C-alpha cells in the first residue's frame, strides 16, 4: 500500500549523455525562481495511474548547463509538484517516472518535460503550471523496443529488414501519427518522407525500397487521444544511449 507523502530534496550528480559519449558536470546555476503545478497524463493527474515518485532534472537554457542545487517536492496522491531555487529565465524541467524495466527509456515508463521561461510568467502562472507526461509506447514489430540490443550507428550497424515491413504496437490511444523518412548516414540529414499518415489501428504495413547507398530509414510515431492531444511516443534504448526513433536499412 502506498501512503501519500511529499518528498523534498536537492539534486547533486553528473549527467552522462551516453549517446554522445561525454559527461556534463553540474554547475551551480540557481536562483530564486519557483514553479508549481500538477503533472497530468491524458488530462488526468498522473498520480491516478501511479504512485511512483519521479526523478527531477533541470537545465538552464541561458547558460546551457544543468542546474545543480534546485529543490523539489512531489505529492504522490495528487500529482502536485514544486521546483524551487530556479534561474529567472528559460529552463527545461524534466520528471522521469521509472515504473518498469532496467532503464527509464523502456516502454511502460512516463516522461514529463516542460520548457517555461520564468521571466515571462506571472506569479499566478508560476503557481499553477501544468505539465503533461507522455507514456513510452511498446512497439513489438519489426523490432521490440523493450530490448536493448545494439548501439547507435556507426558503433553498431543498422538493423536490416526485408522490403515488406510490418509495424505492430500495443494499444494505448485513439489514433496514431506514423512517419517514415530517409536520412543520410553521414550527417543524419533529411532526404525525403516515405510515409506520413495517421491510423486507428495498432499496426501498419509498408513495402519499402532497398536502402540507397549511405542512406537509412527512420521511423517514429506518437499516440493521440480523441482530442488529438499527444499522450504517448516511441523510444529506442541503445546500449550507449536512447532516441525517439527507430533507424534501420532495407535489403532484399
Protein backbone atom coordinates (compact mmCIF):
# COMPACT_ATOMS: atom_id res chain seq x y z
CA UNK A 1 0.00 0.00 0.00
CA UNK A 2 1.20 3.49 -0.82
CA UNK A 3 0.77 6.36 1.63
CA UNK A 4 0.62 9.97 0.48
CA UNK A 5 3.77 11.86 1.24
CA UNK A 6 5.74 14.82 -0.04
CA UNK A 7 9.42 14.45 -0.82
CA UNK A 8 11.81 17.42 -0.54
CA UNK A 9 15.37 17.08 -1.77
CA UNK A 10 18.22 18.81 -3.53
CA UNK A 11 19.90 17.22 -6.52
CA UNK A 12 23.63 16.59 -6.79
CA UNK A 13 25.26 14.50 -9.51
CA UNK A 14 26.56 14.18 -13.01
CA UNK A 15 24.50 13.90 -16.17
CA UNK A 16 26.10 11.48 -18.59
CA UNK A 17 24.92 11.67 -22.20
CA UNK A 18 25.72 8.17 -23.36
CA UNK A 19 24.78 8.62 -26.99
CA UNK A 20 27.35 11.38 -27.36
CA UNK A 21 29.99 9.78 -25.19
CA UNK A 22 30.60 12.77 -22.96
CA UNK A 23 29.68 13.94 -19.49
CA UNK A 24 28.28 17.26 -18.38
CA UNK A 25 29.43 18.27 -14.92
CA UNK A 26 26.69 20.04 -12.98
CA UNK A 27 27.16 23.76 -12.44
CA UNK A 28 25.91 25.86 -9.59
CA UNK A 29 23.37 27.89 -11.58
CA UNK A 30 20.34 28.62 -9.46
CA UNK A 31 18.14 31.49 -8.40
CA UNK A 32 15.01 32.47 -6.54
CA UNK A 33 12.53 31.20 -9.11
CA UNK A 34 9.85 28.64 -8.30
CA UNK A 35 7.39 26.64 -10.41
CA UNK A 36 4.40 24.68 -9.12
CA UNK A 37 1.52 22.73 -10.60
CA UNK A 38 0.25 19.25 -11.38
CA UNK A 39 1.60 16.52 -13.65
CA UNK A 40 -1.11 15.13 -15.94
CA UNK A 41 -1.49 12.15 -18.24
CA UNK A 42 -4.30 12.29 -20.77
CA UNK A 43 -5.97 15.18 -18.90
CA UNK A 44 -5.94 13.38 -15.52
CA UNK A 45 -3.38 13.66 -12.70
CA UNK A 46 -0.68 11.06 -13.30
CA UNK A 47 -0.99 10.12 -9.62
CA UNK A 48 -4.28 8.41 -10.55
CA UNK A 49 -2.22 5.92 -12.59
CA UNK A 50 0.89 5.52 -10.47
CA UNK A 51 2.11 6.46 -7.01
CA UNK A 52 5.68 6.40 -8.29
CA UNK A 53 7.73 9.45 -7.33
CA UNK A 54 9.65 10.86 -10.30
CA UNK A 55 13.27 11.87 -10.54
CA UNK A 56 13.76 15.54 -11.41
CA UNK A 57 16.25 17.28 -13.68
CA UNK A 58 16.57 20.98 -14.58
CA UNK A 59 18.53 22.64 -17.39
CA UNK A 60 19.36 26.37 -17.66
CA UNK A 61 18.79 27.29 -21.32
CA UNK A 62 20.56 30.64 -20.97
CA UNK A 63 23.80 29.30 -19.51
CA UNK A 64 23.48 25.96 -21.37
CA UNK A 65 24.19 23.92 -18.27
CA UNK A 66 22.41 21.76 -15.70
CA UNK A 67 21.09 23.37 -12.52
CA UNK A 68 22.54 21.61 -9.52
CA UNK A 69 21.05 22.89 -6.29
CA UNK A 70 17.38 23.20 -7.16
CA UNK A 71 14.82 21.80 -4.72
CA UNK A 72 11.68 19.85 -5.48
CA UNK A 73 8.55 18.43 -3.86
CA UNK A 74 6.08 15.88 -5.20
CA UNK A 75 2.82 14.60 -3.76
CA UNK A 76 2.10 11.07 -4.98
CA UNK A 77 -1.61 11.30 -4.12
CA UNK A 78 -2.37 14.42 -6.15
CA UNK A 79 0.44 14.68 -8.69
CA UNK A 80 1.26 18.17 -7.38
CA UNK A 81 4.88 19.29 -7.74
CA UNK A 82 7.03 22.28 -6.83
CA UNK A 83 10.51 23.02 -8.18
CA UNK A 84 12.42 25.80 -6.43
CA UNK A 85 15.71 27.69 -6.44
CA UNK A 86 15.44 28.12 -10.21
CA UNK A 87 17.13 30.65 -12.52
CA UNK A 88 14.92 33.50 -13.69
CA UNK A 89 14.80 32.71 -17.40
CA UNK A 90 14.18 29.89 -19.87
CA UNK A 91 14.65 26.42 -18.40
CA UNK A 92 13.83 22.78 -19.07
CA UNK A 93 12.19 20.83 -16.25
CA UNK A 94 12.06 17.04 -16.61
CA UNK A 95 10.37 14.43 -14.47
CA UNK A 96 11.07 10.75 -15.13
CA UNK A 97 8.73 8.05 -13.81
CA UNK A 98 10.68 4.78 -13.89
CA UNK A 99 7.97 2.15 -13.37
CA UNK A 100 9.36 -0.83 -15.26
CA UNK A 101 12.42 -2.32 -16.93
CA UNK A 102 16.11 -1.83 -16.32
CA UNK A 103 16.09 1.80 -17.51
CA UNK A 104 13.51 4.59 -17.71
CA UNK A 105 13.58 4.85 -21.53
CA UNK A 106 11.94 1.43 -21.99
CA UNK A 107 8.21 1.12 -22.82
CA UNK A 108 5.72 1.46 -19.98
CA UNK A 109 7.54 4.36 -18.33
CA UNK A 110 6.46 8.00 -18.29
CA UNK A 111 8.43 11.15 -19.06
CA UNK A 112 7.27 14.73 -18.44
CA UNK A 113 9.09 17.75 -19.87
CA UNK A 114 8.32 21.46 -19.73
CA UNK A 115 10.16 24.45 -21.19
CA UNK A 116 8.98 27.56 -19.32
CA UNK A 117 10.65 30.96 -19.34
CA UNK A 118 10.16 32.09 -15.76
CA UNK A 119 10.86 35.71 -16.68
CA UNK A 120 7.73 35.66 -18.89
CA UNK A 121 5.37 34.03 -16.38
CA UNK A 122 3.14 35.88 -13.93
CA UNK A 123 3.01 34.95 -10.25
CA UNK A 124 -0.29 33.16 -10.89
CA UNK A 125 1.13 31.21 -13.84
CA UNK A 126 4.16 30.12 -11.85
CA UNK A 127 1.88 28.85 -9.09
CA UNK A 128 -0.29 26.76 -11.41
CA UNK A 129 1.85 25.43 -14.26
CA UNK A 130 0.51 22.07 -15.52
CA UNK A 131 2.93 19.62 -17.14
CA UNK A 132 1.83 16.74 -19.38
CA UNK A 133 3.56 13.36 -19.16
CA UNK A 134 3.98 11.01 -22.12
CA UNK A 135 3.90 7.23 -21.95
CA UNK A 136 6.59 5.32 -23.88
CA UNK A 137 4.85 3.08 -26.45
CA UNK A 138 5.70 -0.62 -26.71
CA UNK A 139 6.49 -1.49 -30.33
CA UNK A 140 6.61 -5.25 -30.95
CA UNK A 141 7.48 -5.36 -34.68
CA UNK A 142 9.64 -5.02 -36.77
CA UNK A 143 11.74 -4.74 -33.61
CA UNK A 144 10.67 -5.00 -29.97
CA UNK A 145 11.73 -1.82 -28.20
CA UNK A 146 11.60 -3.50 -24.80
CA UNK A 147 15.04 -4.85 -25.71
CA UNK A 148 18.46 -3.18 -25.51
CA UNK A 149 20.14 -4.99 -28.39
CA UNK A 150 22.52 -2.66 -30.20
CA UNK A 151 24.41 0.62 -30.05
CA UNK A 152 23.79 3.67 -32.20
CA UNK A 153 25.40 3.63 -35.64
CA UNK A 154 28.23 3.64 -36.51
CA UNK A 155 29.19 1.83 -33.27
CA UNK A 156 26.88 -0.97 -34.44
CA UNK A 157 25.44 -1.42 -37.94
CA UNK A 158 21.80 -0.53 -38.55
CA UNK A 159 19.32 -3.40 -38.21
CA UNK A 160 18.37 -4.75 -41.66
CA UNK A 161 14.82 -5.72 -42.70
CA UNK A 162 13.26 -7.08 -45.87
CA UNK A 163 11.21 -4.76 -48.09
CA UNK A 164 7.88 -5.89 -46.60
CA UNK A 165 7.93 -4.25 -43.15
CA UNK A 166 5.18 -4.87 -40.61
CA UNK A 167 4.89 -2.47 -37.67
CA UNK A 168 2.91 -3.52 -34.61
CA UNK A 169 2.49 -1.92 -31.19
CA UNK A 170 0.40 -2.14 -28.02
CA UNK A 171 -2.83 -0.15 -27.98
CA UNK A 172 -2.64 2.99 -25.83
CA UNK A 173 -4.74 5.63 -27.58
CA UNK A 174 -7.50 6.60 -30.00
CA UNK A 175 -5.21 7.02 -33.02
CA UNK A 176 -1.55 7.22 -34.04
CA UNK A 177 0.54 9.55 -36.19
CA UNK A 178 3.08 7.43 -38.06
CA UNK A 179 6.08 8.69 -40.04
CA UNK A 180 8.90 7.07 -42.04
CA UNK A 181 11.62 9.16 -43.65
CA UNK A 182 15.03 8.51 -45.17
CA UNK A 183 18.17 10.09 -43.71
CA UNK A 184 21.80 10.28 -44.78
CA UNK A 185 24.19 8.01 -42.89
CA UNK A 186 26.95 10.62 -42.74
CA UNK A 187 25.19 13.55 -41.06
CA UNK A 188 21.64 12.20 -40.44
CA UNK A 189 20.37 14.86 -42.84
CA UNK A 190 16.77 14.58 -44.06
CA UNK A 191 16.28 13.12 -47.56
CA UNK A 192 12.53 12.58 -48.01
CA UNK A 193 9.27 11.49 -46.46
CA UNK A 194 8.24 7.93 -47.30
CA UNK A 195 5.17 7.65 -45.05
CA UNK A 196 3.30 10.39 -43.20
CA UNK A 197 -0.11 9.18 -42.08
CA UNK A 198 -2.50 8.53 -39.20
CA UNK A 199 -4.22 5.29 -38.27
CA UNK A 200 -6.57 3.96 -35.62
CA UNK A 201 -5.07 0.50 -35.98
CA UNK A 202 -2.22 -0.86 -33.88
CA UNK A 203 -0.29 -2.00 -36.93
CA UNK A 204 0.98 -0.57 -40.19
CA UNK A 205 2.40 -2.49 -43.16
CA UNK A 206 4.57 -0.90 -45.81
CA UNK A 207 6.66 -2.10 -48.76
CA UNK A 208 9.92 -0.18 -48.92
CA UNK A 209 12.66 0.06 -51.50
CA UNK A 210 16.16 -1.18 -50.74
CA UNK A 211 18.08 1.48 -48.88
CA UNK A 212 20.10 3.74 -51.14
CA UNK A 213 23.84 3.82 -50.61
CA UNK A 214 24.75 5.83 -47.49
CA UNK A 215 21.09 6.24 -46.50
CA UNK A 216 18.83 4.61 -43.91
CA UNK A 217 15.18 4.63 -42.89
CA UNK A 218 13.95 6.47 -39.83
CA UNK A 219 10.51 5.75 -38.30
CA UNK A 220 8.71 7.25 -35.35
CA UNK A 221 5.14 7.57 -34.16
CA UNK A 222 3.03 9.19 -31.48
CA UNK A 223 -0.28 8.24 -29.89
CA UNK A 224 -3.12 10.75 -29.63
CA UNK A 225 -6.39 10.88 -27.71
CA UNK A 226 -9.76 11.75 -29.26
CA UNK A 227 -8.94 15.48 -28.90
CA UNK A 228 -5.77 14.90 -30.97
CA UNK A 229 -3.51 15.58 -27.98
CA UNK A 230 -0.29 13.56 -27.93
CA UNK A 231 -0.25 11.22 -24.91
CA UNK A 232 2.46 8.69 -25.83
CA UNK A 233 5.50 8.34 -28.06
CA UNK A 234 8.06 5.82 -29.26
CA UNK A 235 11.63 5.43 -27.93
CA UNK A 236 14.59 3.18 -28.75
CA UNK A 237 17.00 2.31 -25.94
CA UNK A 238 20.53 1.63 -27.18
CA UNK A 239 23.44 0.09 -25.31
CA UNK A 240 25.03 3.56 -25.45
CA UNK A 241 22.05 5.91 -25.16
CA UNK A 242 18.49 6.38 -26.39
CA UNK A 243 16.45 8.14 -29.07
CA UNK A 244 12.91 8.88 -30.17
CA UNK A 245 13.02 6.92 -33.42
CA UNK A 246 13.87 3.54 -34.97
CA UNK A 247 16.63 3.54 -37.60
CA UNK A 248 17.18 0.64 -40.00
CA UNK A 249 18.10 -0.37 -43.52
CA UNK A 250 16.21 -2.43 -46.08
CA UNK A 251 17.89 -5.02 -48.25
CA UNK A 252 16.40 -7.96 -50.17
